[in-house]
Amino acid sequence: MNLMFVLLPFFGVVVLNLPFRTIMKKAAFWVTLMVTSAQVVLALFPAKYPLMSASIDSVSRIMLLSIGIVLISTLFVQKYIVRDEEKLFNLRSLLLLVLAGMNGVVLVKDI
């Protein structure tokens, strides 16, 4: 499960930066919203699947939940702040990379 919190945002960045740039610009909001919403759901309801057998402690779950909520609110606010479509697309890709980085920092077991 720990790996999914880091790989899912990276997968979202890869999907957004596929060669179909015009289609991906329109889908960037929804891809980013789905990835961050999946994080919130996975943080609230930890899965019991063999693939996701690694456990996450309660503090990490709270941090993952708060990161997801803040990034979802950022996603909705940035539509009104940034007017340029290209900058908005780049900001959404950057938001997914930041999500992966923050999740990696929260889920590290030793420093």
PDB file of N, CA and C in Angstrom:
ATOM      1  N   MET A   1       0.823  -1.192   0.000  1.00  0.00           N
ATOM      2  CA  MET A   1       0.000   0.000   0.000  1.00  0.00           C
ATOM      3  C   MET A   1       0.865   1.253   0.000  1.00  0.00           C
ATOM      4  N   ASN A   2       1.999   1.186   0.672  1.00  0.00           N
ATOM      5  CA  ASN A   2       2.878   2.348   0.704  1.00  0.00           C
ATOM      6  C   ASN A   2       3.317   2.742  -0.690  1.00  0.00           C
ATOM      7  N   LEU A   3       3.621   1.754  -1.496  1.00  0.00           N
ATOM      8  CA  LEU A   3       4.099   2.022  -2.842  1.00  0.00           C
ATOM      9  C   LEU A   3       3.013   2.638  -3.709  1.00  0.00           C
ATOM     10  N   MET A   4       1.765   2.279  -3.454  1.00  0.00           N
ATOM     11  CA  MET A   4       0.671   2.815  -4.262  1.00  0.00           C
ATOM     12  C   MET A   4       0.516   4.325  -4.056  1.00  0.00           C
ATOM     13  N   PHE A   5       0.746   4.817  -2.856  1.00  0.00           N
ATOM     14  CA  PHE A   5       0.615   6.249  -2.586  1.00  0.00           C
ATOM     15  C   PHE A   5       1.669   7.074  -3.335  1.00  0.00           C
ATOM     16  N   VAL A   6       2.789   6.467  -3.664  1.00  0.00           N
ATOM     17  CA  VAL A   6       3.830   7.173  -4.395  1.00  0.00           C
ATOM     18  C   VAL A   6       3.696   6.940  -5.899  1.00  0.00           C
ATOM     19  N   LEU A   7       3.360   5.721  -6.299  1.00  0.00           N
ATOM     20  CA  LEU A   7       3.301   5.400  -7.728  1.00  0.00           C
ATOM     21  C   LEU A   7       2.053   5.927  -8.422  1.00  0.00           C
ATOM     22  N   LEU A   8       0.955   6.038  -7.722  1.00  0.00           N
ATOM     23  CA  LEU A   8      -0.281   6.520  -8.344  1.00  0.00           C
ATOM     24  C   LEU A   8      -0.149   7.964  -8.847  1.00  0.00           C
ATOM     25  N   PRO A   9       0.427   8.900  -8.082  1.00  0.00           N
ATOM     26  CA  PRO A   9       0.637  10.240  -8.647  1.00  0.00           C
ATOM     27  C   PRO A   9       1.626  10.256  -9.817  1.00  0.00           C
ATOM     28  N   PHE A  10       2.677   9.423  -9.744  1.00  0.00           N
ATOM     29  CA  PHE A  10       3.607   9.352 -10.870  1.00  0.00           C
ATOM     30  C   PHE A  10       2.922   8.817 -12.119  1.00  0.00           C
ATOM     31  N   PHE A  11       2.051   7.843 -11.953  1.00  0.00           N
ATOM     32  CA  PHE A  11       1.290   7.318 -13.081  1.00  0.00           C
ATOM     33  C   PHE A  11       0.385   8.407 -13.662  1.00  0.00           C
ATOM     34  N   GLY A  12      -0.200   9.229 -12.793  1.00  0.00           N
ATOM     35  CA  GLY A  12      -1.022  10.342 -13.263  1.00  0.00           C
ATOM     36  C   GLY A  12      -0.223  11.343 -14.080  1.00  0.00           C
ATOM     37  N   VAL A  13       1.018  11.618 -13.678  1.00  0.00           N
ATOM     38  CA  VAL A  13       1.873  12.539 -14.434  1.00  0.00           C
ATOM     39  C   VAL A  13       2.214  11.943 -15.791  1.00  0.00           C
ATOM     40  N   VAL A  14       2.495  10.652 -15.823  1.00  0.00           N
ATOM     41  CA  VAL A  14       2.807   9.992 -17.090  1.00  0.00           C
ATOM     42  C   VAL A  14       1.603  10.039 -18.020  1.00  0.00           C
ATOM     43  N   VAL A  15       0.423   9.780 -17.497  1.00  0.00           N
ATOM     44  CA  VAL A  15      -0.788   9.818 -18.319  1.00  0.00           C
ATOM     45  C   VAL A  15      -1.028  11.231 -18.840  1.00  0.00           C
ATOM     46  N   LEU A  16      -0.827  12.232 -18.009  1.00  0.00           N
ATOM     47  CA  LEU A  16      -1.055  13.611 -18.443  1.00  0.00           C
ATOM     48  C   LEU A  16      -0.083  14.064 -19.523  1.00  0.00           C
ATOM     49  N   ASN A  17       1.119  13.536 -19.508  1.00  0.00           N
ATOM     50  CA  ASN A  17       2.134  13.985 -20.458  1.00  0.00           C
ATOM     51  C   ASN A  17       2.291  13.049 -21.643  1.00  0.00           C
ATOM     52  N   LEU A  18       1.245  12.338 -21.982  1.00  0.00           N
ATOM     53  CA  LEU A  18       1.237  11.531 -23.199  1.00  0.00           C
ATOM     54  C   LEU A  18       1.212  12.456 -24.409  1.00  0.00           C
ATOM     55  N   PRO A  19       1.508  11.942 -25.595  1.00  0.00           N
ATOM     56  CA  PRO A  19       1.573  12.805 -26.784  1.00  0.00           C
ATOM     57  C   PRO A  19       0.271  13.521 -27.145  1.00  0.00           C
ATOM     58  N   PHE A  20      -0.844  13.074 -26.665  1.00  0.00           N
ATOM     59  CA  PHE A  20      -2.120  13.716 -26.989  1.00  0.00           C
ATOM     60  C   PHE A  20      -2.313  14.938 -26.093  1.00  0.00           C
ATOM     61  N   ARG A  21      -1.549  15.985 -26.340  1.00  0.00           N
ATOM     62  CA  ARG A  21      -1.479  17.142 -25.443  1.00  0.00           C
ATOM     63  C   ARG A  21      -2.810  17.886 -25.352  1.00  0.00           C
ATOM     64  N   THR A  22      -3.526  18.051 -26.451  1.00  0.00           N
ATOM     65  CA  THR A  22      -4.770  18.829 -26.394  1.00  0.00           C
ATOM     66  C   THR A  22      -5.845  18.098 -25.602  1.00  0.00           C
ATOM     67  N   ILE A  23      -5.905  16.787 -25.756  1.00  0.00           N
ATOM     68  CA  ILE A  23      -6.884  16.009 -24.991  1.00  0.00           C
ATOM     69  C   ILE A  23      -6.507  15.982 -23.519  1.00  0.00           C
ATOM     70  N   MET A  24      -5.211  15.844 -23.244  1.00  0.00           N
ATOM     71  CA  MET A  24      -4.748  15.766 -21.866  1.00  0.00           C
ATOM     72  C   MET A  24      -4.907  17.089 -21.128  1.00  0.00           C
ATOM     73  N   LYS A  25      -4.838  18.214 -21.835  1.00  0.00           N
ATOM     74  CA  LYS A  25      -5.072  19.501 -21.177  1.00  0.00           C
ATOM     75  C   LYS A  25      -6.493  19.583 -20.644  1.00  0.00           C
ATOM     76  N   LYS A  26      -7.428  19.018 -21.396  1.00  0.00           N
ATOM     77  CA  LYS A  26      -8.824  19.034 -20.950  1.00  0.00           C
ATOM     78  C   LYS A  26      -9.071  18.024 -19.835  1.00  0.00           C
ATOM     79  N   ALA A  27      -8.309  16.942 -19.837  1.00  0.00           N
ATOM     80  CA  ALA A  27      -8.512  15.887 -18.842  1.00  0.00           C
ATOM     81  C   ALA A  27      -7.639  16.058 -17.601  1.00  0.00           C
ATOM     82  N   ALA A  28      -6.778  17.055 -17.586  1.00  0.00           N
ATOM     83  CA  ALA A  28      -5.821  17.203 -16.480  1.00  0.00           C
ATOM     84  C   ALA A  28      -6.523  17.403 -15.139  1.00  0.00           C
ATOM     85  N   PHE A  29      -7.578  18.196 -15.132  1.00  0.00           N
ATOM     86  CA  PHE A  29      -8.301  18.428 -13.878  1.00  0.00           C
ATOM     87  C   PHE A  29      -8.869  17.122 -13.335  1.00  0.00           C
ATOM     88  N   TRP A  30      -9.476  16.343 -14.221  1.00  0.00           N
ATOM     89  CA  TRP A  30     -10.137  15.117 -13.775  1.00  0.00           C
ATOM     90  C   TRP A  30      -9.136  14.041 -13.362  1.00  0.00           C
ATOM     91  N   VAL A  31      -8.015  13.948 -14.068  1.00  0.00           N
ATOM     92  CA  VAL A  31      -6.982  12.975 -13.688  1.00  0.00           C
ATOM     93  C   VAL A  31      -6.417  13.325 -12.317  1.00  0.00           C
ATOM     94  N   THR A  32      -6.115  14.591 -12.112  1.00  0.00           N
ATOM     95  CA  THR A  32      -5.572  15.029 -10.822  1.00  0.00           C
ATOM     96  C   THR A  32      -6.593  14.843  -9.706  1.00  0.00           C
ATOM     97  N   LEU A  33      -7.852  15.147  -9.994  1.00  0.00           N
ATOM     98  CA  LEU A  33      -8.901  14.958  -8.995  1.00  0.00           C
ATOM     99  C   LEU A  33      -9.075  13.487  -8.647  1.00  0.00           C
ATOM    100  N   MET A  34      -9.010  12.609  -9.634  1.00  0.00           N
ATOM    101  CA  MET A  34      -9.152  11.177  -9.359  1.00  0.00           C
ATOM    102  C   MET A  34      -8.000  10.648  -8.518  1.00  0.00           C
ATOM    103  N   VAL A  35      -6.786  11.081  -8.819  1.00  0.00           N
ATOM    104  CA  VAL A  35      -5.626  10.601  -8.067  1.00  0.00           C
ATOM    105  C   VAL A  35      -5.673  11.085  -6.618  1.00  0.00           C
ATOM    106  N   THR A  36      -5.985  12.354  -6.418  1.00  0.00           N
ATOM    107  CA  THR A  36      -6.028  12.868  -5.044  1.00  0.00           C
ATOM    108  C   THR A  36      -7.231  12.309  -4.282  1.00  0.00           C
ATOM    109  N   SER A  37      -8.341  12.106  -4.969  1.00  0.00           N
ATOM    110  CA  SER A  37      -9.506  11.494  -4.316  1.00  0.00           C
ATOM    111  C   SER A  37      -9.222  10.043  -3.945  1.00  0.00           C
ATOM    112  N   ALA A  38      -8.493   9.342  -4.800  1.00  0.00           N
ATOM    113  CA  ALA A  38      -8.107   7.966  -4.473  1.00  0.00           C
ATOM    114  C   ALA A  38      -7.223   7.936  -3.237  1.00  0.00           C
ATOM    115  N   GLN A  39      -6.363   8.930  -3.094  1.00  0.00           N
ATOM    116  CA  GLN A  39      -5.528   8.991  -1.897  1.00  0.00           C
ATOM    117  C   GLN A  39      -6.370   9.203  -0.655  1.00  0.00           C
ATOM    118  N   VAL A  40      -7.339  10.090  -0.726  1.00  0.00           N
ATOM    119  CA  VAL A  40      -8.199  10.349   0.433  1.00  0.00           C
ATOM    120  C   VAL A  40      -8.970   9.085   0.806  1.00  0.00           C
ATOM    121  N   VAL A  41      -9.507   8.397  -0.188  1.00  0.00           N
ATOM    122  CA  VAL A  41     -10.274   7.176   0.082  1.00  0.00           C
ATOM    123  C   VAL A  41      -9.370   6.090   0.649  1.00  0.00           C
ATOM    124  N   LEU A  42      -8.177   5.918   0.070  1.00  0.00           N
ATOM    125  CA  LEU A  42      -7.253   4.899   0.588  1.00  0.00           C
ATOM    126  C   LEU A  42      -6.752   5.235   1.982  1.00  0.00           C
ATOM    127  N   ALA A  43      -6.639   6.519   2.294  1.00  0.00           N
ATOM    128  CA  ALA A  43      -6.209   6.903   3.647  1.00  0.00           C
ATOM    129  C   ALA A  43      -7.338   6.683   4.657  1.00  0.00           C
ATOM    130  N   LEU A  44      -8.568   6.930   4.231  1.00  0.00           N
ATOM    131  CA  LEU A  44      -9.694   6.730   5.135  1.00  0.00           C
ATOM    132  C   LEU A  44     -10.018   5.255   5.354  1.00  0.00           C
ATOM    133  N   PHE A  45      -9.989   4.496   4.271  1.00  0.00           N
ATOM    134  CA  PHE A  45     -10.361   3.082   4.327  1.00  0.00           C
ATOM    135  C   PHE A  45      -9.202   2.246   3.806  1.00  0.00           C
ATOM    136  N   PRO A  46      -8.295   1.824   4.672  1.00  0.00           N
ATOM    137  CA  PRO A  46      -7.149   1.033   4.197  1.00  0.00           C
ATOM    138  C   PRO A  46      -7.618  -0.300   3.623  1.00  0.00           C
ATOM    139  N   ALA A  47      -7.039  -0.667   2.502  1.00  0.00           N
ATOM    140  CA  ALA A  47      -7.436  -1.891   1.808  1.00  0.00           C
ATOM    141  C   ALA A  47      -6.839  -3.115   2.500  1.00  0.00           C
ATOM    142  N   LYS A  48      -7.503  -4.217   2.347  1.00  0.00           N
ATOM    143  CA  LYS A  48      -7.049  -5.481   2.936  1.00  0.00           C
ATOM    144  C   LYS A  48      -6.692  -6.467   1.831  1.00  0.00           C
ATOM    145  N   TYR A  49      -5.955  -6.014   0.833  1.00  0.00           N
ATOM    146  CA  TYR A  49      -5.596  -6.870  -0.291  1.00  0.00           C
ATOM    147  C   TYR A  49      -4.182  -7.385  -0.101  1.00  0.00           C
ATOM    148  N   PRO A  50      -3.870  -8.566  -0.641  1.00  0.00           N
ATOM    149  CA  PRO A  50      -2.503  -9.093  -0.509  1.00  0.00           C
ATOM    150  C   PRO A  50      -1.456  -8.201  -1.174  1.00  0.00           C
ATOM    151  N   LEU A  51      -1.837  -7.525  -2.248  1.00  0.00           N
ATOM    152  CA  LEU A  51      -0.900  -6.644  -2.929  1.00  0.00           C
ATOM    153  C   LEU A  51      -0.507  -5.470  -2.044  1.00  0.00           C
ATOM    154  N   MET A  52      -1.428  -5.029  -1.219  1.00  0.00           N
ATOM    155  CA  MET A  52      -1.188  -3.890  -0.350  1.00  0.00           C
ATOM    156  C   MET A  52      -1.057  -4.361   1.087  1.00  0.00           C
ATOM    157  N   SER A  53      -0.133  -5.254   1.335  1.00  0.00           N
ATOM    158  CA  SER A  53      -0.050  -5.863   2.660  1.00  0.00           C
ATOM    159  C   SER A  53       0.706  -5.009   3.667  1.00  0.00           C
ATOM    160  N   ALA A  54       1.464  -4.029   3.198  1.00  0.00           N
ATOM    161  CA  ALA A  54       2.233  -3.198   4.136  1.00  0.00           C
ATOM    162  C   ALA A  54       1.295  -2.320   4.951  1.00  0.00           C
ATOM    163  N   SER A  55       1.546  -2.253   6.220  1.00  0.00           N
ATOM    164  CA  SER A  55       0.669  -1.476   7.095  1.00  0.00           C
ATOM    165  C   SER A  55       1.157  -0.038   7.203  1.00  0.00           C
ATOM    166  N   ILE A  56       0.220   0.853   7.424  1.00  0.00           N
ATOM    167  CA  ILE A  56       0.512   2.268   7.615  1.00  0.00           C
ATOM    168  C   ILE A  56      -0.018   2.642   8.989  1.00  0.00           C
ATOM    169  N   ASP A  57       0.801   3.320   9.782  1.00  0.00           N
ATOM    170  CA  ASP A  57       0.353   3.688  11.123  1.00  0.00           C
ATOM    171  C   ASP A  57      -0.654   4.837  11.070  1.00  0.00           C
ATOM    172  N   SER A  58      -1.270   5.110  12.206  1.00  0.00           N
ATOM    173  CA  SER A  58      -2.356   6.103  12.245  1.00  0.00           C
ATOM    174  C   SER A  58      -1.882   7.512  11.938  1.00  0.00           C
ATOM    175  N   VAL A  59      -0.692   7.868  12.375  1.00  0.00           N
ATOM    176  CA  VAL A  59      -0.188   9.217  12.104  1.00  0.00           C
ATOM    177  C   VAL A  59       0.040   9.401  10.609  1.00  0.00           C
ATOM    178  N   SER A  60       0.570   8.379   9.959  1.00  0.00           N
ATOM    179  CA  SER A  60       0.779   8.457   8.514  1.00  0.00           C
ATOM    180  C   SER A  60      -0.546   8.547   7.764  1.00  0.00           C
ATOM    181  N   ARG A  61      -1.547   7.813   8.230  1.00  0.00           N
ATOM    182  CA  ARG A  61      -2.871   7.887   7.594  1.00  0.00           C
ATOM    183  C   ARG A  61      -3.470   9.276   7.745  1.00  0.00           C
ATOM    184  N   ILE A  62      -3.308   9.886   8.909  1.00  0.00           N
ATOM    185  CA  ILE A  62      -3.829  11.241   9.117  1.00  0.00           C
ATOM    186  C   ILE A  62      -3.093  12.231   8.220  1.00  0.00           C
ATOM    187  N   MET A  63      -1.787  12.081   8.109  1.00  0.00           N
ATOM    188  CA  MET A  63      -1.012  12.970   7.243  1.00  0.00           C
ATOM    189  C   MET A  63      -1.393  12.786   5.775  1.00  0.00           C
ATOM    190  N   LEU A  64      -1.575  11.540   5.336  1.00  0.00           N
ATOM    191  CA  LEU A  64      -1.988  11.286   3.956  1.00  0.00           C
ATOM    192  C   LEU A  64      -3.371  11.867   3.678  1.00  0.00           C
ATOM    193  N   LEU A  65      -4.251  11.752   4.647  1.00  0.00           N
ATOM    194  CA  LEU A  65      -5.588  12.316   4.499  1.00  0.00           C
ATOM    195  C   LEU A  65      -5.532  13.834   4.410  1.00  0.00           C
ATOM    196  N   SER A  66      -4.749  14.463   5.265  1.00  0.00           N
ATOM    197  CA  SER A  66      -4.673  15.928   5.229  1.00  0.00           C
ATOM    198  C   SER A  66      -3.971  16.425   3.964  1.00  0.00           C
ATOM    199  N   ILE A  67      -2.968  15.705   3.487  1.00  0.00           N
ATOM    200  CA  ILE A  67      -2.324  16.075   2.220  1.00  0.00           C
ATOM    201  C   ILE A  67      -3.335  15.992   1.086  1.00  0.00           C
ATOM    202  N   GLY A  68      -4.115  14.936   1.046  1.00  0.00           N
ATOM    203  CA  GLY A  68      -5.116  14.781  -0.001  1.00  0.00           C
ATOM    204  C   GLY A  68      -6.181  15.865   0.034  1.00  0.00           C
ATOM    205  N   ILE A  69      -6.644  16.214   1.220  1.00  0.00           N
ATOM    206  CA  ILE A  69      -7.678  17.250   1.341  1.00  0.00           C
ATOM    207  C   ILE A  69      -7.131  18.612   0.923  1.00  0.00           C
ATOM    208  N   VAL A  70      -5.907  18.927   1.335  1.00  0.00           N
ATOM    209  CA  VAL A  70      -5.311  20.208   0.953  1.00  0.00           C
ATOM    210  C   VAL A  70      -5.097  20.280  -0.559  1.00  0.00           C
ATOM    211  N   LEU A  71      -4.647  19.195  -1.163  1.00  0.00           N
ATOM    212  CA  LEU A  71      -4.414  19.217  -2.603  1.00  0.00           C
ATOM    213  C   LEU A  71      -5.709  19.247  -3.402  1.00  0.00           C
ATOM    214  N   ILE A  72      -6.766  18.632  -2.899  1.00  0.00           N
ATOM    215  CA  ILE A  72      -8.063  18.736  -3.580  1.00  0.00           C
ATOM    216  C   ILE A  72      -8.574  20.172  -3.521  1.00  0.00           C
ATOM    217  N   SER A  73      -8.432  20.811  -2.366  1.00  0.00           N
ATOM    218  CA  SER A  73      -8.867  22.210  -2.273  1.00  0.00           C
ATOM    219  C   SER A  73      -8.001  23.113  -3.145  1.00  0.00           C
ATOM    220  N   THR A  74      -6.703  22.821  -3.225  1.00  0.00           N
ATOM    221  CA  THR A  74      -5.812  23.577  -4.114  1.00  0.00           C
ATOM    222  C   THR A  74      -6.216  23.398  -5.565  1.00  0.00           C
ATOM    223  N   LEU A  75      -6.616  22.203  -5.909  1.00  0.00           N
ATOM    224  CA  LEU A  75      -7.043  21.923  -7.279  1.00  0.00           C
ATOM    225  C   LEU A  75      -8.275  22.739  -7.668  1.00  0.00           C
ATOM    226  N   PHE A  76      -9.215  22.892  -6.750  1.00  0.00           N
ATOM    227  CA  PHE A  76     -10.410  23.675  -7.057  1.00  0.00           C
ATOM    228  C   PHE A  76     -10.139  25.180  -7.055  1.00  0.00           C
ATOM    229  N   VAL A  77      -9.218  25.631  -6.215  1.00  0.00           N
ATOM    230  CA  VAL A  77      -8.928  27.062  -6.133  1.00  0.00           C
ATOM    231  C   VAL A  77      -8.086  27.531  -7.313  1.00  0.00           C
ATOM    232  N   GLN A  78      -7.197  26.692  -7.812  1.00  0.00           N
ATOM    233  CA  GLN A  78      -6.287  27.126  -8.875  1.00  0.00           C
ATOM    234  C   GLN A  78      -7.005  27.441 -10.176  1.00  0.00           C
ATOM    235  N   LYS A  79      -8.200  26.928 -10.370  1.00  0.00           N
ATOM    236  CA  LYS A  79      -8.954  27.273 -11.579  1.00  0.00           C
ATOM    237  C   LYS A  79      -9.304  28.756 -11.616  1.00  0.00           C
ATOM    238  N   TYR A  80      -9.488  29.346 -10.459  1.00  0.00           N
ATOM    239  CA  TYR A  80      -9.880  30.757 -10.389  1.00  0.00           C
ATOM    240  C   TYR A  80      -8.684  31.698 -10.298  1.00  0.00           C
ATOM    241  N   ILE A  81      -7.529  31.178  -9.927  1.00  0.00           N
ATOM    242  CA  ILE A  81      -6.349  32.019  -9.782  1.00  0.00           C
ATOM    243  C   ILE A  81      -5.551  32.085 -11.077  1.00  0.00           C
ATOM    244  N   VAL A  82      -5.336  30.946 -11.717  1.00  0.00           N
ATOM    245  CA  VAL A  82      -4.528  30.874 -12.932  1.00  0.00           C
ATOM    246  C   VAL A  82      -5.455  30.875 -14.137  1.00  0.00           C
ATOM    247  N   ARG A  83      -5.238  31.810 -15.046  1.00  0.00           N
ATOM    248  CA  ARG A  83      -6.106  31.933 -16.225  1.00  0.00           C
ATOM    249  C   ARG A  83      -5.524  31.274 -17.469  1.00  0.00           C
ATOM    250  N   ASP A  84      -4.193  31.221 -17.577  1.00  0.00           N
ATOM    251  CA  ASP A  84      -3.555  30.652 -18.749  1.00  0.00           C
ATOM    252  C   ASP A  84      -3.680  29.122 -18.722  1.00  0.00           C
ATOM    253  N   GLU A  85      -4.167  28.549 -19.811  1.00  0.00           N
ATOM    254  CA  GLU A  85      -4.420  27.105 -19.873  1.00  0.00           C
ATOM    255  C   GLU A  85      -3.124  26.294 -19.802  1.00  0.00           C
ATOM    256  N   GLU A  86      -2.052  26.770 -20.428  1.00  0.00           N
ATOM    257  CA  GLU A  86      -0.781  26.043 -20.398  1.00  0.00           C
ATOM    258  C   GLU A  86      -0.188  26.051 -18.985  1.00  0.00           C
ATOM    259  N   LYS A  87      -0.244  27.182 -18.316  1.00  0.00           N
ATOM    260  CA  LYS A  87       0.260  27.254 -16.944  1.00  0.00           C
ATOM    261  C   LYS A  87      -0.590  26.400 -16.002  1.00  0.00           C
ATOM    262  N   LEU A  88      -1.869  26.362 -16.250  1.00  0.00           N
ATOM    263  CA  LEU A  88      -2.766  25.548 -15.430  1.00  0.00           C
ATOM    264  C   LEU A  88      -2.458  24.066 -15.602  1.00  0.00           C
ATOM    265  N   PHE A  89      -2.184  23.657 -16.833  1.00  0.00           N
ATOM    266  CA  PHE A  89      -1.815  22.266 -17.095  1.00  0.00           C
ATOM    267  C   PHE A  89      -0.509  21.915 -16.397  1.00  0.00           C
ATOM    268  N   ASN A  90       0.483  22.791 -16.508  1.00  0.00           N
ATOM    269  CA  ASN A  90       1.769  22.550 -15.845  1.00  0.00           C
ATOM    270  C   ASN A  90       1.621  22.521 -14.332  1.00  0.00           C
ATOM    271  N   LEU A  91       0.756  23.359 -13.801  1.00  0.00           N
ATOM    272  CA  LEU A  91       0.520  23.391 -12.360  1.00  0.00           C
ATOM    273  C   LEU A  91      -0.126  22.096 -11.879  1.00  0.00           C
ATOM    274  N   ARG A  92      -1.019  21.535 -12.673  1.00  0.00           N
ATOM    275  CA  ARG A  92      -1.651  20.266 -12.287  1.00  0.00           C
ATOM    276  C   ARG A  92      -0.659  19.118 -12.338  1.00  0.00           C
ATOM    277  N   SER A  93       0.232  19.116 -13.322  1.00  0.00           N
ATOM    278  CA  SER A  93       1.287  18.094 -13.359  1.00  0.00           C
ATOM    279  C   SER A  93       2.217  18.248 -12.168  1.00  0.00           C
ATOM    280  N   LEU A  94       2.568  19.483 -11.845  1.00  0.00           N
ATOM    281  CA  LEU A  94       3.419  19.743 -10.690  1.00  0.00           C
ATOM    282  C   LEU A  94       2.723  19.343  -9.392  1.00  0.00           C
ATOM    283  N   LEU A  95       1.426  19.540  -9.323  1.00  0.00           N
ATOM    284  CA  LEU A  95       0.662  19.150  -8.139  1.00  0.00           C
ATOM    285  C   LEU A  95       0.747  17.642  -7.904  1.00  0.00           C
ATOM    286  N   LEU A  96       0.705  16.871  -8.981  1.00  0.00           N
ATOM    287  CA  LEU A  96       0.836  15.415  -8.839  1.00  0.00           C
ATOM    288  C   LEU A  96       2.245  15.019  -8.396  1.00  0.00           C
ATOM    289  N   LEU A  97       3.261  15.710  -8.906  1.00  0.00           N
ATOM    290  CA  LEU A  97       4.624  15.416  -8.467  1.00  0.00           C
ATOM    291  C   LEU A  97       4.836  15.783  -7.004  1.00  0.00           C
ATOM    292  N   VAL A  98       4.250  16.900  -6.591  1.00  0.00           N
ATOM    293  CA  VAL A  98       4.328  17.301  -5.185  1.00  0.00           C
ATOM    294  C   VAL A  98       3.604  16.284  -4.300  1.00  0.00           C
ATOM    295  N   LEU A  99       2.486  15.782  -4.776  1.00  0.00           N
ATOM    296  CA  LEU A  99       1.734  14.764  -4.043  1.00  0.00           C
ATOM    297  C   LEU A  99       2.585  13.515  -3.838  1.00  0.00           C
ATOM    298  N   ALA A 100       3.268  13.078  -4.884  1.00  0.00           N
ATOM    299  CA  ALA A 100       4.132  11.897  -4.763  1.00  0.00           C
ATOM    300  C   ALA A 100       5.277  12.159  -3.786  1.00  0.00           C
ATOM    301  N   GLY A 101       5.862  13.344  -3.841  1.00  0.00           N
ATOM    302  CA  GLY A 101       6.954  13.673  -2.931  1.00  0.00           C
ATOM    303  C   GLY A 101       6.517  13.729  -1.484  1.00  0.00           C
ATOM    304  N   MET A 102       5.396  14.383  -1.228  1.00  0.00           N
ATOM    305  CA  MET A 102       4.911  14.471   0.156  1.00  0.00           C
ATOM    306  C   MET A 102       4.514  13.105   0.686  1.00  0.00           C
ATOM    307  N   ASN A 103       3.922  12.277  -0.169  1.00  0.00           N
ATOM    308  CA  ASN A 103       3.568  10.923   0.262  1.00  0.00           C
ATOM    309  C   ASN A 103       4.830  10.111   0.586  1.00  0.00           C
ATOM    310  N   GLY A 104       5.858  10.291  -0.220  1.00  0.00           N
ATOM    311  CA  GLY A 104       7.108   9.596   0.067  1.00  0.00           C
ATOM    312  C   GLY A 104       7.724  10.022   1.385  1.00  0.00           C
ATOM    313  N   VAL A 105       7.646  11.311   1.696  1.00  0.00           N
ATOM    314  CA  VAL A 105       8.178  11.806   2.964  1.00  0.00           C
ATOM    315  C   VAL A 105       7.372  11.255   4.139  1.00  0.00           C
ATOM    316  N   VAL A 106       6.074  11.191   4.001  1.00  0.00           N
ATOM    317  CA  VAL A 106       5.220  10.705   5.093  1.00  0.00           C
ATOM    318  C   VAL A 106       5.413   9.211   5.310  1.00  0.00           C
ATOM    319  N   LEU A 107       5.610   8.451   4.243  1.00  0.00           N
ATOM    320  CA  LEU A 107       5.619   6.995   4.359  1.00  0.00           C
ATOM    321  C   LEU A 107       6.996   6.387   4.613  1.00  0.00           C
ATOM    322  N   VAL A 108       8.029   7.212   4.678  1.00  0.00           N
ATOM    323  CA  VAL A 108       9.356   6.657   4.941  1.00  0.00           C
ATOM    324  C   VAL A 108       9.397   6.120   6.369  1.00  0.00           C
ATOM    325  N   LYS A 109      10.014   4.954   6.534  1.00  0.00           N
ATOM    326  CA  LYS A 109      10.052   4.300   7.845  1.00  0.00           C
ATOM    327  C   LYS A 109      11.301   4.650   8.639  1.00  0.00           C
ATOM    328  N   ASP A 110      12.394   4.971   7.967  1.00  0.00           N
ATOM    329  CA  ASP A 110      13.617   5.353   8.666  1.00  0.00           C
ATOM    330  C   ASP A 110      14.295   6.493   7.919  1.00  0.00           C
ATOM    331  N   ILE A 111      15.046   7.271   8.642  1.00  0.00           N
ATOM    332  CA  ILE A 111      15.672   8.438   8.029  1.00  0.00           C
ATOM    333  C   ILE A 111      17.170   8.194   7.917  1.00  0.00           C
TER     334      ILE A 111
END
